[in-house]
Amino acid sequence: QVQLVESGGGLVQAGGSLRLSCAASGSIFGFNVMGWYRQAPGKQRDMVATITSSGDYANYADSVKGRFTISRDNAKNTVYLQMNSLKPEDTAVYYCRINWSGNVYWGQGTQVTVSS
C-alpha cells in the first residue's frame, strides 16, 4: 500500500510562485510514474505534469509549459511541482498520483488559489 501526502498549497497573487511537494510512504521500487493533476470546481480532473521514476522523461499540459517544473527525489520518495507565473486559472485542488506496479494511488489534494 502506498500513501501520498501533499503539501505546499496556499493563496498567492497572480504572477507569484508556489512549490508543491508530495511524499510517498511505503516501499516503492522499479518503474513508476508520479505526477500532478488538478481539479477546478465543476471541472474534470486534468493532468498537469508527470515524471518517470528515472526522472528522464517529463510531460506537461500545454497550459503550464514554460511555467511549471516537475522534479523528484527518489531517495526521499518525493515529487515536487514548482509553479511560477501563476494565473487565476491555475486555481484548483492539486492532487499527487503514482502509477506503480499496475496500481494507481492518489493523495488527498492541496488547494491552490491564485488571486487576480
N, C-alpha and C. Protein backbone atom coordinates (compact mmCIF):
# COMPACT_ATOMS: atom_id res chain seq x y z
N GLN A 1 0.84 -1.19 0.00
CA GLN A 1 0.00 0.00 0.00
C GLN A 1 0.88 1.24 0.00
N VAL A 2 0.51 2.22 -0.80
CA VAL A 2 1.24 3.47 -0.89
C VAL A 2 0.35 4.61 -0.43
N GLN A 3 0.89 5.47 0.37
CA GLN A 3 0.17 6.68 0.78
C GLN A 3 0.92 7.90 0.29
N LEU A 4 0.17 8.87 -0.20
CA LEU A 4 0.75 10.10 -0.73
C LEU A 4 0.24 11.28 0.09
N VAL A 5 1.15 12.13 0.49
CA VAL A 5 0.78 13.30 1.28
C VAL A 5 1.33 14.54 0.60
N GLU A 6 0.41 15.42 0.18
CA GLU A 6 0.80 16.66 -0.50
C GLU A 6 0.94 17.79 0.51
N SER A 7 1.74 18.76 0.15
CA SER A 7 1.88 19.98 0.95
C SER A 7 2.34 21.11 0.03
N GLY A 8 2.19 22.34 0.54
CA GLY A 8 2.71 23.48 -0.21
C GLY A 8 1.67 24.34 -0.88
N GLY A 9 0.41 23.95 -0.83
CA GLY A 9 -0.62 24.78 -1.44
C GLY A 9 -0.86 26.04 -0.64
N GLY A 10 -1.67 26.92 -1.19
CA GLY A 10 -1.99 28.15 -0.48
C GLY A 10 -2.55 29.21 -1.40
N LEU A 11 -2.58 30.42 -0.90
CA LEU A 11 -3.10 31.57 -1.63
C LEU A 11 -1.93 32.43 -2.11
N VAL A 12 -1.95 32.79 -3.38
CA VAL A 12 -0.87 33.59 -3.95
C VAL A 12 -1.47 34.55 -4.97
N GLN A 13 -0.82 35.67 -5.15
CA GLN A 13 -1.27 36.62 -6.16
C GLN A 13 -0.81 36.18 -7.55
N ALA A 14 -1.54 36.63 -8.54
CA ALA A 14 -1.16 36.33 -9.92
C ALA A 14 0.28 36.79 -10.17
N GLY A 15 1.03 35.96 -10.86
CA GLY A 15 2.43 36.24 -11.11
C GLY A 15 3.37 35.66 -10.08
N GLY A 16 2.81 35.17 -8.99
CA GLY A 16 3.62 34.61 -7.92
C GLY A 16 3.99 33.16 -8.17
N SER A 17 4.62 32.57 -7.15
CA SER A 17 5.11 31.20 -7.26
C SER A 17 4.71 30.38 -6.04
N LEU A 18 4.59 29.10 -6.24
CA LEU A 18 4.38 28.13 -5.17
C LEU A 18 5.13 26.86 -5.53
N ARG A 19 5.52 26.11 -4.51
CA ARG A 19 6.14 24.81 -4.72
C ARG A 19 5.36 23.76 -3.96
N LEU A 20 4.84 22.81 -4.68
CA LEU A 20 4.11 21.70 -4.07
C LEU A 20 5.06 20.51 -3.87
N SER A 21 4.81 19.79 -2.79
CA SER A 21 5.58 18.57 -2.52
C SER A 21 4.62 17.42 -2.29
N CYS A 22 5.05 16.23 -2.63
CA CYS A 22 4.25 15.04 -2.41
C CYS A 22 5.19 13.93 -1.97
N ALA A 23 5.01 13.49 -0.73
CA ALA A 23 5.84 12.43 -0.18
C ALA A 23 5.07 11.12 -0.21
N ALA A 24 5.72 10.10 -0.73
CA ALA A 24 5.12 8.77 -0.82
C ALA A 24 5.68 7.88 0.27
N SER A 25 4.80 7.23 1.00
CA SER A 25 5.24 6.28 2.01
C SER A 25 5.03 4.87 1.47
N GLY A 26 5.76 3.92 2.03
CA GLY A 26 5.67 2.57 1.53
C GLY A 26 6.89 2.23 0.71
N SER A 27 7.03 0.98 0.40
CA SER A 27 8.19 0.50 -0.36
C SER A 27 7.89 0.56 -1.84
N ILE A 28 8.53 1.50 -2.53
CA ILE A 28 8.33 1.67 -3.96
C ILE A 28 9.62 1.32 -4.67
N PHE A 29 9.55 0.38 -5.60
CA PHE A 29 10.75 0.01 -6.34
C PHE A 29 10.35 -0.28 -7.78
N GLY A 30 11.32 -0.16 -8.64
CA GLY A 30 11.04 -0.40 -10.04
C GLY A 30 10.43 0.80 -10.72
N PHE A 31 10.04 0.58 -11.99
CA PHE A 31 9.50 1.67 -12.78
C PHE A 31 8.19 2.19 -12.21
N ASN A 32 8.06 3.51 -12.17
CA ASN A 32 6.81 4.12 -11.77
C ASN A 32 6.72 5.51 -12.38
N VAL A 33 5.55 6.04 -12.40
CA VAL A 33 5.32 7.40 -12.89
C VAL A 33 4.60 8.17 -11.80
N MET A 34 5.16 9.29 -11.42
CA MET A 34 4.50 10.17 -10.45
C MET A 34 4.05 11.42 -11.19
N GLY A 35 3.00 12.01 -10.69
CA GLY A 35 2.51 13.18 -11.39
C GLY A 35 1.60 14.04 -10.55
N TRP A 36 1.27 15.18 -11.12
CA TRP A 36 0.34 16.12 -10.51
C TRP A 36 -0.86 16.32 -11.43
N TYR A 37 -2.01 16.32 -10.83
CA TYR A 37 -3.26 16.57 -11.52
C TYR A 37 -3.99 17.68 -10.77
N ARG A 38 -4.93 18.33 -11.44
CA ARG A 38 -5.68 19.37 -10.76
C ARG A 38 -7.15 19.32 -11.17
N GLN A 39 -7.96 19.80 -10.24
CA GLN A 39 -9.40 19.83 -10.49
C GLN A 39 -9.98 21.13 -9.96
N ALA A 40 -10.52 21.91 -10.87
CA ALA A 40 -11.20 23.15 -10.50
C ALA A 40 -12.68 22.83 -10.26
N PRO A 41 -13.37 23.68 -9.52
CA PRO A 41 -14.79 23.44 -9.22
C PRO A 41 -15.61 23.27 -10.49
N GLY A 42 -16.37 22.20 -10.54
CA GLY A 42 -17.23 21.95 -11.68
C GLY A 42 -16.53 21.42 -12.92
N LYS A 43 -15.25 21.12 -12.79
CA LYS A 43 -14.50 20.63 -13.95
C LYS A 43 -13.91 19.26 -13.65
N GLN A 44 -13.46 18.59 -14.70
CA GLN A 44 -12.86 17.29 -14.52
C GLN A 44 -11.42 17.44 -14.03
N ARG A 45 -10.89 16.34 -13.51
CA ARG A 45 -9.51 16.33 -13.06
C ARG A 45 -8.60 16.14 -14.27
N ASP A 46 -7.64 17.04 -14.42
CA ASP A 46 -6.75 17.01 -15.58
C ASP A 46 -5.30 16.84 -15.17
N MET A 47 -4.55 16.22 -16.05
CA MET A 47 -3.11 16.07 -15.84
C MET A 47 -2.42 17.42 -15.94
N VAL A 48 -1.51 17.68 -15.02
CA VAL A 48 -0.69 18.89 -15.06
C VAL A 48 0.72 18.53 -15.53
N ALA A 49 1.32 17.54 -14.86
CA ALA A 49 2.67 17.14 -15.21
C ALA A 49 2.94 15.75 -14.66
N THR A 50 3.74 14.97 -15.37
CA THR A 50 4.15 13.66 -14.90
C THR A 50 5.64 13.49 -15.12
N ILE A 51 6.22 12.57 -14.36
CA ILE A 51 7.65 12.31 -14.47
C ILE A 51 7.91 10.83 -14.20
N THR A 52 8.79 10.24 -14.98
CA THR A 52 9.10 8.83 -14.80
C THR A 52 10.06 8.63 -13.62
N SER A 53 10.20 7.40 -13.20
CA SER A 53 10.98 7.09 -12.00
C SER A 53 12.44 7.49 -12.14
N SER A 54 12.98 7.43 -13.35
CA SER A 54 14.37 7.83 -13.54
C SER A 54 14.51 9.34 -13.61
N GLY A 55 13.40 10.02 -13.82
CA GLY A 55 13.44 11.46 -13.99
C GLY A 55 13.84 11.90 -15.38
N ASP A 56 14.02 10.92 -16.25
CA ASP A 56 14.50 11.24 -17.60
C ASP A 56 13.41 11.84 -18.49
N TYR A 57 12.18 11.53 -18.17
CA TYR A 57 11.12 11.99 -19.05
C TYR A 57 10.02 12.66 -18.24
N ALA A 58 9.69 13.87 -18.63
CA ALA A 58 8.61 14.63 -18.00
C ALA A 58 7.64 15.09 -19.08
N ASN A 59 6.40 15.14 -18.70
CA ASN A 59 5.34 15.53 -19.63
C ASN A 59 4.51 16.62 -18.97
N TYR A 60 4.11 17.63 -19.75
CA TYR A 60 3.37 18.75 -19.20
C TYR A 60 2.11 19.04 -20.02
N ALA A 61 1.10 19.51 -19.33
CA ALA A 61 -0.06 20.05 -20.04
C ALA A 61 0.36 21.32 -20.76
N ASP A 62 -0.24 21.57 -21.91
CA ASP A 62 0.14 22.75 -22.69
C ASP A 62 -0.04 24.04 -21.89
N SER A 63 -1.04 24.05 -21.04
CA SER A 63 -1.37 25.27 -20.30
C SER A 63 -0.31 25.66 -19.26
N VAL A 64 0.57 24.72 -18.91
CA VAL A 64 1.57 25.03 -17.88
C VAL A 64 3.00 24.97 -18.40
N LYS A 65 3.17 24.60 -19.64
CA LYS A 65 4.53 24.51 -20.20
C LYS A 65 5.23 25.86 -20.11
N GLY A 66 6.48 25.80 -19.66
CA GLY A 66 7.26 27.02 -19.51
C GLY A 66 7.05 27.73 -18.19
N ARG A 67 6.03 27.33 -17.44
CA ARG A 67 5.76 27.96 -16.14
C ARG A 67 5.95 26.99 -14.97
N PHE A 68 5.61 25.74 -15.18
CA PHE A 68 5.69 24.73 -14.12
C PHE A 68 6.84 23.77 -14.42
N THR A 69 7.45 23.27 -13.35
CA THR A 69 8.51 22.27 -13.49
C THR A 69 8.29 21.16 -12.48
N ILE A 70 8.26 19.93 -12.97
CA ILE A 70 8.13 18.77 -12.09
C ILE A 70 9.51 18.16 -11.88
N SER A 71 9.76 17.69 -10.67
CA SER A 71 11.02 17.03 -10.37
C SER A 71 10.77 16.01 -9.26
N ARG A 72 11.75 15.17 -9.01
CA ARG A 72 11.57 14.17 -7.96
C ARG A 72 12.91 13.86 -7.30
N ASP A 73 12.80 13.42 -6.05
CA ASP A 73 13.95 12.97 -5.28
C ASP A 73 13.63 11.55 -4.84
N ASN A 74 14.19 10.58 -5.53
CA ASN A 74 13.85 9.19 -5.24
C ASN A 74 14.35 8.73 -3.88
N ALA A 75 15.40 9.34 -3.39
CA ALA A 75 15.89 8.98 -2.06
C ALA A 75 14.86 9.33 -0.99
N LYS A 76 14.05 10.34 -1.28
CA LYS A 76 13.02 10.77 -0.33
C LYS A 76 11.61 10.34 -0.77
N ASN A 77 11.53 9.61 -1.90
CA ASN A 77 10.21 9.23 -2.43
C ASN A 77 9.29 10.44 -2.55
N THR A 78 9.84 11.52 -3.04
CA THR A 78 9.09 12.78 -3.09
C THR A 78 9.13 13.37 -4.50
N VAL A 79 7.98 13.88 -4.90
CA VAL A 79 7.88 14.59 -6.17
C VAL A 79 7.47 16.03 -5.89
N TYR A 80 7.99 16.93 -6.69
CA TYR A 80 7.76 18.37 -6.50
C TYR A 80 7.12 18.97 -7.75
N LEU A 81 6.43 20.07 -7.53
CA LEU A 81 5.92 20.86 -8.64
C LEU A 81 6.21 22.32 -8.35
N GLN A 82 7.16 22.87 -9.07
CA GLN A 82 7.46 24.29 -8.96
C GLN A 82 6.57 25.05 -9.92
N MET A 83 5.78 25.94 -9.37
CA MET A 83 4.81 26.68 -10.18
C MET A 83 5.17 28.17 -10.16
N ASN A 84 5.52 28.68 -11.31
CA ASN A 84 5.87 30.10 -11.46
C ASN A 84 4.86 30.80 -12.36
N SER A 85 4.88 32.12 -12.30
CA SER A 85 3.99 32.93 -13.13
C SER A 85 2.55 32.44 -13.04
N LEU A 86 2.10 32.24 -11.83
CA LEU A 86 0.77 31.67 -11.62
C LEU A 86 -0.32 32.62 -12.11
N LYS A 87 -1.39 32.01 -12.63
CA LYS A 87 -2.53 32.74 -13.16
C LYS A 87 -3.79 32.35 -12.38
N PRO A 88 -4.79 33.22 -12.38
CA PRO A 88 -6.05 32.85 -11.69
C PRO A 88 -6.62 31.53 -12.19
N GLU A 89 -6.44 31.22 -13.46
CA GLU A 89 -6.97 29.97 -13.99
C GLU A 89 -6.20 28.73 -13.51
N ASP A 90 -5.13 28.92 -12.78
CA ASP A 90 -4.43 27.80 -12.15
C ASP A 90 -5.08 27.39 -10.83
N THR A 91 -6.05 28.17 -10.39
CA THR A 91 -6.75 27.86 -9.15
C THR A 91 -7.44 26.51 -9.24
N ALA A 92 -7.14 25.62 -8.29
CA ALA A 92 -7.70 24.27 -8.30
C ALA A 92 -7.19 23.52 -7.07
N VAL A 93 -7.76 22.35 -6.87
CA VAL A 93 -7.16 21.40 -5.93
C VAL A 93 -6.16 20.56 -6.72
N TYR A 94 -4.95 20.50 -6.22
CA TYR A 94 -3.89 19.76 -6.89
C TYR A 94 -3.68 18.42 -6.19
N TYR A 95 -3.69 17.37 -6.99
CA TYR A 95 -3.55 16.02 -6.47
C TYR A 95 -2.27 15.37 -6.98
N CYS A 96 -1.63 14.66 -6.10
CA CYS A 96 -0.47 13.86 -6.46
C CYS A 96 -0.94 12.45 -6.81
N ARG A 97 -0.27 11.84 -7.76
CA ARG A 97 -0.63 10.49 -8.17
C ARG A 97 0.63 9.69 -8.48
N ILE A 98 0.59 8.40 -8.14
CA ILE A 98 1.65 7.50 -8.55
C ILE A 98 1.03 6.28 -9.23
N ASN A 99 1.61 5.94 -10.36
CA ASN A 99 1.21 4.76 -11.10
C ASN A 99 2.36 3.76 -10.99
N TRP A 100 2.12 2.70 -10.26
CA TRP A 100 3.21 1.77 -9.95
C TRP A 100 2.69 0.35 -9.84
N SER A 101 3.35 -0.54 -10.52
CA SER A 101 3.07 -1.97 -10.44
C SER A 101 1.59 -2.26 -10.75
N GLY A 102 1.06 -1.55 -11.73
CA GLY A 102 -0.31 -1.80 -12.13
C GLY A 102 -1.36 -1.15 -11.26
N ASN A 103 -0.93 -0.39 -10.28
CA ASN A 103 -1.87 0.28 -9.37
C ASN A 103 -1.70 1.80 -9.44
N VAL A 104 -2.78 2.49 -9.15
CA VAL A 104 -2.77 3.95 -9.11
C VAL A 104 -3.18 4.40 -7.71
N TYR A 105 -2.38 5.28 -7.16
CA TYR A 105 -2.67 5.83 -5.83
C TYR A 105 -2.75 7.35 -5.93
N TRP A 106 -3.66 7.91 -5.15
CA TRP A 106 -3.86 9.36 -5.14
C TRP A 106 -3.64 9.93 -3.75
N GLY A 107 -3.16 11.17 -3.71
CA GLY A 107 -3.11 11.90 -2.46
C GLY A 107 -4.45 12.55 -2.18
N GLN A 108 -4.52 13.26 -1.05
CA GLN A 108 -5.79 13.85 -0.63
C GLN A 108 -6.04 15.20 -1.27
N GLY A 109 -5.02 15.77 -1.87
CA GLY A 109 -5.16 17.05 -2.55
C GLY A 109 -4.75 18.23 -1.70
N THR A 110 -4.29 19.28 -2.37
CA THR A 110 -3.94 20.53 -1.70
C THR A 110 -4.48 21.69 -2.54
N GLN A 111 -5.08 22.66 -1.87
CA GLN A 111 -5.73 23.76 -2.56
C GLN A 111 -4.70 24.81 -2.98
N VAL A 112 -4.79 25.23 -4.24
CA VAL A 112 -4.00 26.35 -4.74
C VAL A 112 -4.99 27.40 -5.23
N THR A 113 -4.88 28.59 -4.68
CA THR A 113 -5.75 29.69 -5.08
C THR A 113 -4.90 30.86 -5.54
N VAL A 114 -5.16 31.33 -6.76
CA VAL A 114 -4.41 32.44 -7.33
C VAL A 114 -5.36 33.61 -7.49
N SER A 115 -5.07 34.69 -6.80
CA SER A 115 -5.93 35.87 -6.87
C SER A 115 -5.44 36.82 -7.96
N SER A 116 -6.39 37.53 -8.56
CA SER A 116 -6.04 38.46 -9.65
C SER A 116 -5.73 39.85 -9.14
